[in-house]
Amino acid sequence: MSSKGQVDELFTKTVDDWARFYRDPKPATLNAQNLVSRRRFALEMLEARVSPGSKVLDIGCGTGHLAGELMQRGYAAWGVDLAEAMVEYAREHYDADRFRVGDIERIPFPDNTFDAVMCLGVMEYLEKDERALREMWRVLKPGGRAVITTPNIVCPFFHADMAVLKMRVAARPLVGFIRHRLLGKSSPHNGLPQVIHRRYYRPRWQNLLRSMQLETEDWACHSWGWYSLERFFDQGALCRTSDRFARNSLLNWLASNQLVCVRAIK
């Protein structure tokens, strides 16, 4: 299966989970709070530069919550997503005419259509960045803004989680022997596909954006916490605490997620 096919399958199987993530403004889990914080910062970046009434495209719109929020705030919002199940959910809960199945590398809109683009939690699932960035630049009007999120490669929390994961992988044969041979239990399996999930180094990422005629105007990093410890205690409060340092250059590099607002130079 192709990488995009795996992403489609993953998000098709998790529609209900994603719909639940945004219901609690202060969720207990790290993953849910990460998504809530990401959306808040993205909206702040957009509203500071793009006025209500403007046309905004949410790429990777998922269940349509962000596009729906933009509509409530007075924007003319559209959404596209690779997963048909996500688009169906969005159509059922919001304006059905504003959502369609679409690929970020082939955005189904004409040149110079939008005043702004939101692209949250999409880039890391691609094999490369260039084609997607060209497409975003293409559909933006001259001077249009894009808010793009990416995972942060230098985050120490991430590397600590990777160390724990490697230890678990190394111990897997012993754990499997104990479960199967001694306890007679089967191994847990959630049935979700493993997908590409790249991480980004800020200087290299900003250089690439600049080469694509996307000029950086704002930058923020958020979300502290260890996913490997979520089974022992929830970390939503720690994640929320990190939000206050999102624009503090001395501390925000610790965060696991980064947002950039860029302007299309045409």
C-alpha atoms as a PDB file:
ATOM      1  CA  MET A   1       0.000   0.000   0.000  1.00  0.00           C
ATOM      2  CA  SER A   2       1.267   3.510  -0.823  1.00  0.00           C
ATOM      3  CA  SER A   3       2.047   5.988   1.944  1.00  0.00           C
ATOM      4  CA  LYS A   4      -1.047   8.032   1.030  1.00  0.00           C
ATOM      5  CA  GLY A   5      -3.134   4.867   1.080  1.00  0.00           C
ATOM      6  CA  GLN A   6      -1.901   4.149   4.602  1.00  0.00           C
ATOM      7  CA  VAL A   7      -2.750   7.690   5.714  1.00  0.00           C
ATOM      8  CA  ASP A   8      -6.212   7.365   4.167  1.00  0.00           C
ATOM      9  CA  GLU A   9      -6.774   4.063   5.984  1.00  0.00           C
ATOM     10  CA  LEU A  10      -5.511   5.451   9.295  1.00  0.00           C
ATOM     11  CA  PHE A  11      -7.794   8.491   9.308  1.00  0.00           C
ATOM     12  CA  THR A  12     -10.743   6.559   7.923  1.00  0.00           C
ATOM     13  CA  LYS A  13     -10.529   4.259  10.952  1.00  0.00           C
ATOM     14  CA  THR A  14     -10.197   7.114  13.452  1.00  0.00           C
ATOM     15  CA  VAL A  15     -12.949   9.540  12.404  1.00  0.00           C
ATOM     16  CA  ASP A  16     -14.838   9.263  15.695  1.00  0.00           C
ATOM     17  CA  ASP A  17     -11.656   9.663  17.745  1.00  0.00           C
ATOM     18  CA  TRP A  18     -10.779  12.910  15.955  1.00  0.00           C
ATOM     19  CA  ALA A  19     -14.318  14.215  16.373  1.00  0.00           C
ATOM     20  CA  ARG A  20     -14.013  13.736  20.162  1.00  0.00           C
ATOM     21  CA  PHE A  21     -10.652  15.493  20.502  1.00  0.00           C
ATOM     22  CA  TYR A  22     -12.097  19.015  20.255  1.00  0.00           C
ATOM     23  CA  ARG A  23     -15.092  18.637  22.577  1.00  0.00           C
ATOM     24  CA  ASP A  24     -13.199  19.417  25.801  1.00  0.00           C
ATOM     25  CA  PRO A  25     -11.370  22.798  25.826  1.00  0.00           C
ATOM     26  CA  LYS A  26      -9.042  21.462  28.570  1.00  0.00           C
ATOM     27  CA  PRO A  27      -8.588  17.757  27.832  1.00  0.00           C
ATOM     28  CA  ALA A  28      -6.645  15.490  30.164  1.00  0.00           C
ATOM     29  CA  THR A  29      -4.542  13.685  27.568  1.00  0.00           C
ATOM     30  CA  LEU A  30      -1.425  15.018  25.870  1.00  0.00           C
ATOM     31  CA  ASN A  31      -2.590  14.119  22.373  1.00  0.00           C
ATOM     32  CA  ALA A  32      -5.959  15.863  22.689  1.00  0.00           C
ATOM     33  CA  GLN A  33      -4.480  18.985  24.306  1.00  0.00           C
ATOM     34  CA  ASN A  34      -1.823  19.138  21.616  1.00  0.00           C
ATOM     35  CA  LEU A  35      -4.553  19.347  18.967  1.00  0.00           C
ATOM     36  CA  VAL A  36      -6.548  21.953  20.918  1.00  0.00           C
ATOM     37  CA  SER A  37      -3.443  24.121  21.400  1.00  0.00           C
ATOM     38  CA  ARG A  38      -2.423  23.737  17.764  1.00  0.00           C
ATOM     39  CA  ARG A  39      -5.799  24.953  16.568  1.00  0.00           C
ATOM     40  CA  ARG A  40      -5.777  27.921  18.978  1.00  0.00           C
ATOM     41  CA  PHE A  41      -2.359  29.160  17.852  1.00  0.00           C
ATOM     42  CA  ALA A  42      -3.258  28.642  14.192  1.00  0.00           C
ATOM     43  CA  LEU A  43      -6.428  30.700  14.567  1.00  0.00           C
ATOM     44  CA  GLU A  44      -4.523  33.464  16.379  1.00  0.00           C
ATOM     45  CA  MET A  45      -1.983  33.659  13.559  1.00  0.00           C
ATOM     46  CA  LEU A  46      -4.706  33.781  10.933  1.00  0.00           C
ATOM     47  CA  GLU A  47      -6.942  36.357  12.637  1.00  0.00           C
ATOM     48  CA  ALA A  48      -3.988  38.688  13.233  1.00  0.00           C
ATOM     49  CA  ARG A  49      -3.402  38.954   9.462  1.00  0.00           C
ATOM     50  CA  VAL A  50      -6.538  37.942   7.554  1.00  0.00           C
ATOM     51  CA  SER A  51      -9.867  39.720   8.054  1.00  0.00           C
ATOM     52  CA  PRO A  52     -13.284  38.012   8.338  1.00  0.00           C
ATOM     53  CA  GLY A  53     -14.995  37.553   4.998  1.00  0.00           C
ATOM     54  CA  SER A  54     -11.759  36.320   3.423  1.00  0.00           C
ATOM     55  CA  LYS A  55     -11.602  32.970   1.628  1.00  0.00           C
ATOM     56  CA  VAL A  56      -9.737  30.293   3.593  1.00  0.00           C
ATOM     57  CA  LEU A  57      -8.910  26.712   2.621  1.00  0.00           C
ATOM     58  CA  ASP A  58      -8.321  24.101   5.338  1.00  0.00           C
ATOM     59  CA  ILE A  59      -6.104  21.409   3.787  1.00  0.00           C
ATOM     60  CA  GLY A  60      -6.398  18.128   5.650  1.00  0.00           C
ATOM     61  CA  CYS A  61      -9.644  19.369   7.158  1.00  0.00           C
ATOM     62  CA  GLY A  62     -10.425  16.066   8.867  1.00  0.00           C
ATOM     63  CA  THR A  63     -13.842  16.156  10.497  1.00  0.00           C
ATOM     64  CA  GLY A  64     -14.287  19.832   9.550  1.00  0.00           C
ATOM     65  CA  HIS A  65     -14.037  21.332  13.033  1.00  0.00           C
ATOM     66  CA  LEU A  66     -11.503  24.002  12.088  1.00  0.00           C
ATOM     67  CA  ALA A  67     -13.340  25.004   8.902  1.00  0.00           C
ATOM     68  CA  GLY A  68     -16.584  25.121  10.902  1.00  0.00           C
ATOM     69  CA  GLU A  69     -14.929  27.373  13.486  1.00  0.00           C
ATOM     70  CA  LEU A  70     -13.703  29.654  10.698  1.00  0.00           C
ATOM     71  CA  MET A  71     -17.238  29.878   9.302  1.00  0.00           C
ATOM     72  CA  GLN A  72     -18.551  30.863  12.742  1.00  0.00           C
ATOM     73  CA  ARG A  73     -15.918  33.610  12.897  1.00  0.00           C
ATOM     74  CA  GLY A  74     -17.075  35.085   9.608  1.00  0.00           C
ATOM     75  CA  TYR A  75     -14.650  33.551   7.124  1.00  0.00           C
ATOM     76  CA  ALA A  76     -15.646  31.914   3.839  1.00  0.00           C
ATOM     77  CA  ALA A  77     -14.048  28.555   4.546  1.00  0.00           C
ATOM     78  CA  TRP A  78     -13.582  25.409   2.468  1.00  0.00           C
ATOM     79  CA  GLY A  79     -12.039  22.076   3.401  1.00  0.00           C
ATOM     80  CA  VAL A  80     -10.321  19.242   1.572  1.00  0.00           C
ATOM     81  CA  ASP A  81      -9.097  15.920   2.939  1.00  0.00           C
ATOM     82  CA  LEU A  82      -7.607  12.746   1.512  1.00  0.00           C
ATOM     83  CA  ALA A  83      -9.883  10.509   3.617  1.00  0.00           C
ATOM     84  CA  GLU A  84     -13.404  10.271   2.207  1.00  0.00           C
ATOM     85  CA  ALA A  85     -14.810   9.233   5.600  1.00  0.00           C
ATOM     86  CA  MET A  86     -13.531  12.478   7.134  1.00  0.00           C
ATOM     87  CA  VAL A  87     -15.095  14.537   4.346  1.00  0.00           C
ATOM     88  CA  GLU A  88     -18.422  12.733   4.753  1.00  0.00           C
ATOM     89  CA  TYR A  89     -18.428  13.562   8.468  1.00  0.00           C
ATOM     90  CA  ALA A  90     -17.658  17.230   7.727  1.00  0.00           C
ATOM     91  CA  ARG A  91     -20.419  17.420   5.129  1.00  0.00           C
ATOM     92  CA  GLU A  92     -22.940  15.970   7.572  1.00  0.00           C
ATOM     93  CA  HIS A  93     -22.083  18.422  10.375  1.00  0.00           C
ATOM     94  CA  TYR A  94     -21.261  21.607   8.458  1.00  0.00           C
ATOM     95  CA  ASP A  95     -21.945  23.129   5.028  1.00  0.00           C
ATOM     96  CA  ALA A  96     -21.958  20.133   2.667  1.00  0.00           C
ATOM     97  CA  ASP A  97     -20.974  22.238  -0.359  1.00  0.00           C
ATOM     98  CA  ARG A  98     -17.755  23.450   1.274  1.00  0.00           C
ATOM     99  CA  PHE A  99     -15.990  20.081   1.686  1.00  0.00           C
ATOM    100  CA  ARG A 100     -14.475  17.757  -0.874  1.00  0.00           C
ATOM    101  CA  VAL A 101     -12.001  14.899  -1.168  1.00  0.00           C
ATOM    102  CA  GLY A 102      -8.641  16.288  -2.267  1.00  0.00           C
ATOM    103  CA  ASP A 103      -4.890  15.699  -2.271  1.00  0.00           C
ATOM    104  CA  ILE A 104      -2.543  18.424  -0.998  1.00  0.00           C
ATOM    105  CA  GLU A 105      -0.237  17.675  -3.924  1.00  0.00           C
ATOM    106  CA  ARG A 106      -3.099  18.296  -6.367  1.00  0.00           C
ATOM    107  CA  ILE A 107      -5.366  20.852  -4.675  1.00  0.00           C
ATOM    108  CA  PRO A 108      -8.706  20.933  -6.565  1.00  0.00           C
ATOM    109  CA  PHE A 109      -8.994  24.722  -6.861  1.00  0.00           C
ATOM    110  CA  PRO A 110      -7.793  27.276  -9.451  1.00  0.00           C
ATOM    111  CA  ASP A 111      -4.743  29.519  -9.076  1.00  0.00           C
ATOM    112  CA  ASN A 112      -4.998  32.569  -6.777  1.00  0.00           C
ATOM    113  CA  THR A 113      -8.272  31.486  -5.163  1.00  0.00           C
ATOM    114  CA  PHE A 114      -7.675  31.910  -1.420  1.00  0.00           C
ATOM    115  CA  ASP A 115      -6.623  34.662   0.952  1.00  0.00           C
ATOM    116  CA  ALA A 116      -5.312  32.062   3.390  1.00  0.00           C
ATOM    117  CA  VAL A 117      -4.553  28.370   3.742  1.00  0.00           C
ATOM    118  CA  MET A 118      -4.520  26.320   6.934  1.00  0.00           C
ATOM    119  CA  CYS A 119      -2.420  23.151   6.840  1.00  0.00           C
ATOM    120  CA  LEU A 120      -2.361  21.491  10.271  1.00  0.00           C
ATOM    121  CA  GLY A 121      -0.925  18.026  10.793  1.00  0.00           C
ATOM    122  CA  VAL A 122      -0.447  17.172   7.115  1.00  0.00           C
ATOM    123  CA  MET A 123       3.127  17.774   5.957  1.00  0.00           C
ATOM    124  CA  GLU A 124       4.700  15.107   8.167  1.00  0.00           C
ATOM    125  CA  TYR A 125       2.711  12.360   6.416  1.00  0.00           C
ATOM    126  CA  LEU A 126       4.120  13.201   2.985  1.00  0.00           C
ATOM    127  CA  GLU A 127       7.237  11.675   1.472  1.00  0.00           C
ATOM    128  CA  LYS A 128       8.483  15.121   0.357  1.00  0.00           C
ATOM    129  CA  ASP A 129       7.440  18.741   0.940  1.00  0.00           C
ATOM    130  CA  GLU A 130       8.089  20.592  -2.294  1.00  0.00           C
ATOM    131  CA  ARG A 131       5.052  19.650  -4.358  1.00  0.00           C
ATOM    132  CA  ALA A 132       2.634  20.389  -1.516  1.00  0.00           C
ATOM    133  CA  LEU A 133       4.236  23.772  -0.862  1.00  0.00           C
ATOM    134  CA  ARG A 134       4.043  24.667  -4.570  1.00  0.00           C
ATOM    135  CA  GLU A 135       0.354  23.803  -4.558  1.00  0.00           C
ATOM    136  CA  MET A 136      -0.330  25.946  -1.494  1.00  0.00           C
ATOM    137  CA  TRP A 137       1.555  28.832  -3.104  1.00  0.00           C
ATOM    138  CA  ARG A 138      -0.397  28.325  -6.339  1.00  0.00           C
ATOM    139  CA  VAL A 139      -3.887  28.559  -4.800  1.00  0.00           C
ATOM    140  CA  LEU A 140      -2.982  31.556  -2.608  1.00  0.00           C
ATOM    141  CA  LYS A 141      -3.589  35.059  -3.852  1.00  0.00           C
ATOM    142  CA  PRO A 142      -0.543  37.379  -3.975  1.00  0.00           C
ATOM    143  CA  GLY A 143       0.273  38.212  -0.365  1.00  0.00           C
ATOM    144  CA  GLY A 144      -1.976  35.416   0.906  1.00  0.00           C
ATOM    145  CA  ARG A 145      -1.066  33.687   4.161  1.00  0.00           C
ATOM    146  CA  ALA A 146      -0.536  30.040   5.034  1.00  0.00           C
ATOM    147  CA  VAL A 147      -0.354  28.603   8.546  1.00  0.00           C
ATOM    148  CA  ILE A 148       1.538  25.305   8.469  1.00  0.00           C
ATOM    149  CA  THR A 149       2.347  22.950  11.350  1.00  0.00           C
ATOM    150  CA  THR A 150       5.158  20.410  11.595  1.00  0.00           C
ATOM    151  CA  PRO A 151       6.667  18.214  14.344  1.00  0.00           C
ATOM    152  CA  ASN A 152       9.909  19.505  15.893  1.00  0.00           C
ATOM    153  CA  ILE A 153      12.955  17.228  15.450  1.00  0.00           C
ATOM    154  CA  VAL A 154      15.010  18.719  18.319  1.00  0.00           C
ATOM    155  CA  CYS A 155      12.310  18.204  20.976  1.00  0.00           C
ATOM    156  CA  PRO A 156      13.914  16.311  23.907  1.00  0.00           C
ATOM    157  CA  PHE A 157      10.558  14.819  24.910  1.00  0.00           C
ATOM    158  CA  PHE A 158      10.367  13.137  21.493  1.00  0.00           C
ATOM    159  CA  HIS A 159      13.864  11.663  21.790  1.00  0.00           C
ATOM    160  CA  ALA A 160      13.091  10.380  25.283  1.00  0.00           C
ATOM    161  CA  ASP A 161       9.974   8.681  23.893  1.00  0.00           C
ATOM    162  CA  MET A 162      12.077   7.135  21.093  1.00  0.00           C
ATOM    163  CA  ALA A 163      14.539   5.755  23.639  1.00  0.00           C
ATOM    164  CA  VAL A 164      11.683   4.112  25.533  1.00  0.00           C
ATOM    165  CA  LEU A 165      10.287   2.714  22.283  1.00  0.00           C
ATOM    166  CA  LYS A 166      13.658   1.166  21.376  1.00  0.00           C
ATOM    167  CA  MET A 167      13.819  -0.504  24.772  1.00  0.00           C
ATOM    168  CA  ARG A 168      10.328  -1.896  24.274  1.00  0.00           C
ATOM    169  CA  VAL A 169      11.252  -3.245  20.842  1.00  0.00           C
ATOM    170  CA  ALA A 170      14.374  -4.877  22.287  1.00  0.00           C
ATOM    171  CA  ALA A 171      12.292  -6.480  25.058  1.00  0.00           C
ATOM    172  CA  ARG A 172       9.500  -7.607  22.712  1.00  0.00           C
ATOM    173  CA  PRO A 173      10.755 -11.223  22.238  1.00  0.00           C
ATOM    174  CA  LEU A 174      10.921 -11.774  26.001  1.00  0.00           C
ATOM    175  CA  VAL A 175       7.537 -10.126  26.598  1.00  0.00           C
ATOM    176  CA  GLY A 176       6.019 -12.197  23.783  1.00  0.00           C
ATOM    177  CA  PHE A 177       7.433 -15.398  25.252  1.00  0.00           C
ATOM    178  CA  ILE A 178       5.969 -14.604  28.663  1.00  0.00           C
ATOM    179  CA  ARG A 179       2.554 -13.656  27.260  1.00  0.00           C
ATOM    180  CA  HIS A 180       2.182 -16.561  24.838  1.00  0.00           C
ATOM    181  CA  ARG A 181       4.038 -19.447  26.446  1.00  0.00           C
ATOM    182  CA  LEU A 182       3.628 -18.779  30.167  1.00  0.00           C
ATOM    183  CA  LEU A 183       0.398 -16.765  30.421  1.00  0.00           C
ATOM    184  CA  GLY A 184      -1.398 -17.942  27.275  1.00  0.00           C
ATOM    185  CA  LYS A 185      -2.379 -14.385  26.259  1.00  0.00           C
ATOM    186  CA  SER A 186      -2.450 -12.872  22.797  1.00  0.00           C
ATOM    187  CA  SER A 187      -0.569  -9.676  21.957  1.00  0.00           C
ATOM    188  CA  PRO A 188      -2.682  -6.499  21.751  1.00  0.00           C
ATOM    189  CA  HIS A 189      -3.083  -5.014  18.256  1.00  0.00           C
ATOM    190  CA  ASN A 190      -5.136  -1.961  17.354  1.00  0.00           C
ATOM    191  CA  GLY A 191      -5.298  -2.759  13.626  1.00  0.00           C
ATOM    192  CA  LEU A 192      -4.091   0.713  12.576  1.00  0.00           C
ATOM    193  CA  PRO A 193      -1.516   1.015   9.782  1.00  0.00           C
ATOM    194  CA  GLN A 194       1.966   2.386  10.434  1.00  0.00           C
ATOM    195  CA  VAL A 195       2.465   5.616   8.479  1.00  0.00           C
ATOM    196  CA  ILE A 196       5.269   8.030   7.632  1.00  0.00           C
ATOM    197  CA  HIS A 197       5.658  10.666  10.343  1.00  0.00           C
ATOM    198  CA  ARG A 198       8.580  12.971   9.580  1.00  0.00           C
ATOM    199  CA  ARG A 199       9.994  15.643  11.895  1.00  0.00           C
ATOM    200  CA  TYR A 200      11.447  19.013  10.961  1.00  0.00           C
ATOM    201  CA  TYR A 201      14.546  21.073  11.825  1.00  0.00           C
ATOM    202  CA  ARG A 202      13.551  24.738  11.954  1.00  0.00           C
ATOM    203  CA  PRO A 203      16.439  26.376   9.987  1.00  0.00           C
ATOM    204  CA  ARG A 204      16.224  23.836   7.154  1.00  0.00           C
ATOM    205  CA  TRP A 205      12.418  24.100   7.071  1.00  0.00           C
ATOM    206  CA  GLN A 206      12.444  27.902   6.911  1.00  0.00           C
ATOM    207  CA  ASN A 207      15.055  27.838   4.139  1.00  0.00           C
ATOM    208  CA  LEU A 208      12.823  25.510   2.128  1.00  0.00           C
ATOM    209  CA  LEU A 209       9.796  27.754   2.665  1.00  0.00           C
ATOM    210  CA  ARG A 210      11.796  30.771   1.511  1.00  0.00           C
ATOM    211  CA  SER A 211      12.914  28.923  -1.628  1.00  0.00           C
ATOM    212  CA  MET A 212       9.227  28.287  -2.397  1.00  0.00           C
ATOM    213  CA  GLN A 213       8.492  32.040  -2.181  1.00  0.00           C
ATOM    214  CA  LEU A 214       6.811  31.681   1.196  1.00  0.00           C
ATOM    215  CA  GLU A 215       8.116  34.339   3.575  1.00  0.00           C
ATOM    216  CA  THR A 216       8.020  33.631   7.329  1.00  0.00           C
ATOM    217  CA  GLU A 217       5.989  36.164   9.367  1.00  0.00           C
ATOM    218  CA  ASP A 218       5.353  34.342  12.645  1.00  0.00           C
ATOM    219  CA  TRP A 219       6.631  31.296  14.495  1.00  0.00           C
ATOM    220  CA  ALA A 220       5.487  29.417  17.601  1.00  0.00           C
ATOM    221  CA  CYS A 221       6.203  26.075  19.276  1.00  0.00           C
ATOM    222  CA  HIS A 222       3.967  24.265  21.755  1.00  0.00           C
ATOM    223  CA  SER A 223       3.312  20.961  23.526  1.00  0.00           C
ATOM    224  CA  TRP A 224       5.538  19.484  26.227  1.00  0.00           C
ATOM    225  CA  GLY A 225       5.053  15.929  27.414  1.00  0.00           C
ATOM    226  CA  TRP A 226       6.032  12.269  27.140  1.00  0.00           C
ATOM    227  CA  TYR A 227       3.713  10.023  25.141  1.00  0.00           C
ATOM    228  CA  SER A 228       5.495   7.028  26.654  1.00  0.00           C
ATOM    229  CA  LEU A 229       4.207   8.032  30.109  1.00  0.00           C
ATOM    230  CA  GLU A 230       0.564   8.586  29.119  1.00  0.00           C
ATOM    231  CA  ARG A 231      -0.359   5.094  30.308  1.00  0.00           C
ATOM    232  CA  PHE A 232       0.698   6.105  33.822  1.00  0.00           C
ATOM    233  CA  PHE A 233      -0.710   9.639  34.094  1.00  0.00           C
ATOM    234  CA  ASP A 234      -2.423  12.201  31.877  1.00  0.00           C
ATOM    235  CA  GLN A 235      -0.337  15.159  30.745  1.00  0.00           C
ATOM    236  CA  GLY A 236      -2.849  17.605  29.319  1.00  0.00           C
ATOM    237  CA  ALA A 237      -2.118  20.141  32.074  1.00  0.00           C
ATOM    238  CA  LEU A 238       1.638  20.037  31.340  1.00  0.00           C
ATOM    239  CA  CYS A 239       0.914  20.555  27.653  1.00  0.00           C
ATOM    240  CA  ARG A 240      -1.298  23.570  28.428  1.00  0.00           C
ATOM    241  CA  THR A 241       1.414  25.036  30.667  1.00  0.00           C
ATOM    242  CA  SER A 242       3.886  24.925  27.777  1.00  0.00           C
ATOM    243  CA  ASP A 243       1.610  27.186  25.719  1.00  0.00           C
ATOM    244  CA  ARG A 244       2.806  30.245  27.655  1.00  0.00           C
ATOM    245  CA  PHE A 245       6.327  29.667  26.276  1.00  0.00           C
ATOM    246  CA  ALA A 246       5.250  29.194  22.649  1.00  0.00           C
ATOM    247  CA  ARG A 247       7.012  32.368  21.495  1.00  0.00           C
ATOM    248  CA  ASN A 248       9.856  32.338  24.019  1.00  0.00           C
ATOM    249  CA  SER A 249      12.935  31.498  21.934  1.00  0.00           C
ATOM    250  CA  LEU A 250      14.869  30.367  25.024  1.00  0.00           C
ATOM    251  CA  LEU A 251      12.333  27.636  25.826  1.00  0.00           C
ATOM    252  CA  ASN A 252      10.019  26.962  22.897  1.00  0.00           C
ATOM    253  CA  TRP A 253      12.553  24.698  21.135  1.00  0.00           C
ATOM    254  CA  LEU A 254      11.677  22.126  23.821  1.00  0.00           C
ATOM    255  CA  ALA A 255       8.158  21.761  22.405  1.00  0.00           C
ATOM    256  CA  SER A 256       7.158  18.915  20.127  1.00  0.00           C
ATOM    257  CA  ASN A 257       5.136  20.914  17.593  1.00  0.00           C
ATOM    258  CA  GLN A 258       5.836  24.078  15.631  1.00  0.00           C
ATOM    259  CA  LEU A 259       3.649  26.481  13.646  1.00  0.00           C
ATOM    260  CA  VAL A 260       4.761  28.935  11.002  1.00  0.00           C
ATOM    261  CA  CYS A 261       2.744  31.668   9.297  1.00  0.00           C
ATOM    262  CA  VAL A 262       4.063  32.539   5.847  1.00  0.00           C
ATOM    263  CA  ARG A 263       3.150  35.072   3.157  1.00  0.00           C
ATOM    264  CA  ALA A 264       3.012  34.140  -0.526  1.00  0.00           C
ATOM    265  CA  ILE A 265       5.414  36.263  -2.568  1.00  0.00           C
ATOM    266  CA  LYS A 266       4.093  36.649  -6.147  1.00  0.00           C
END
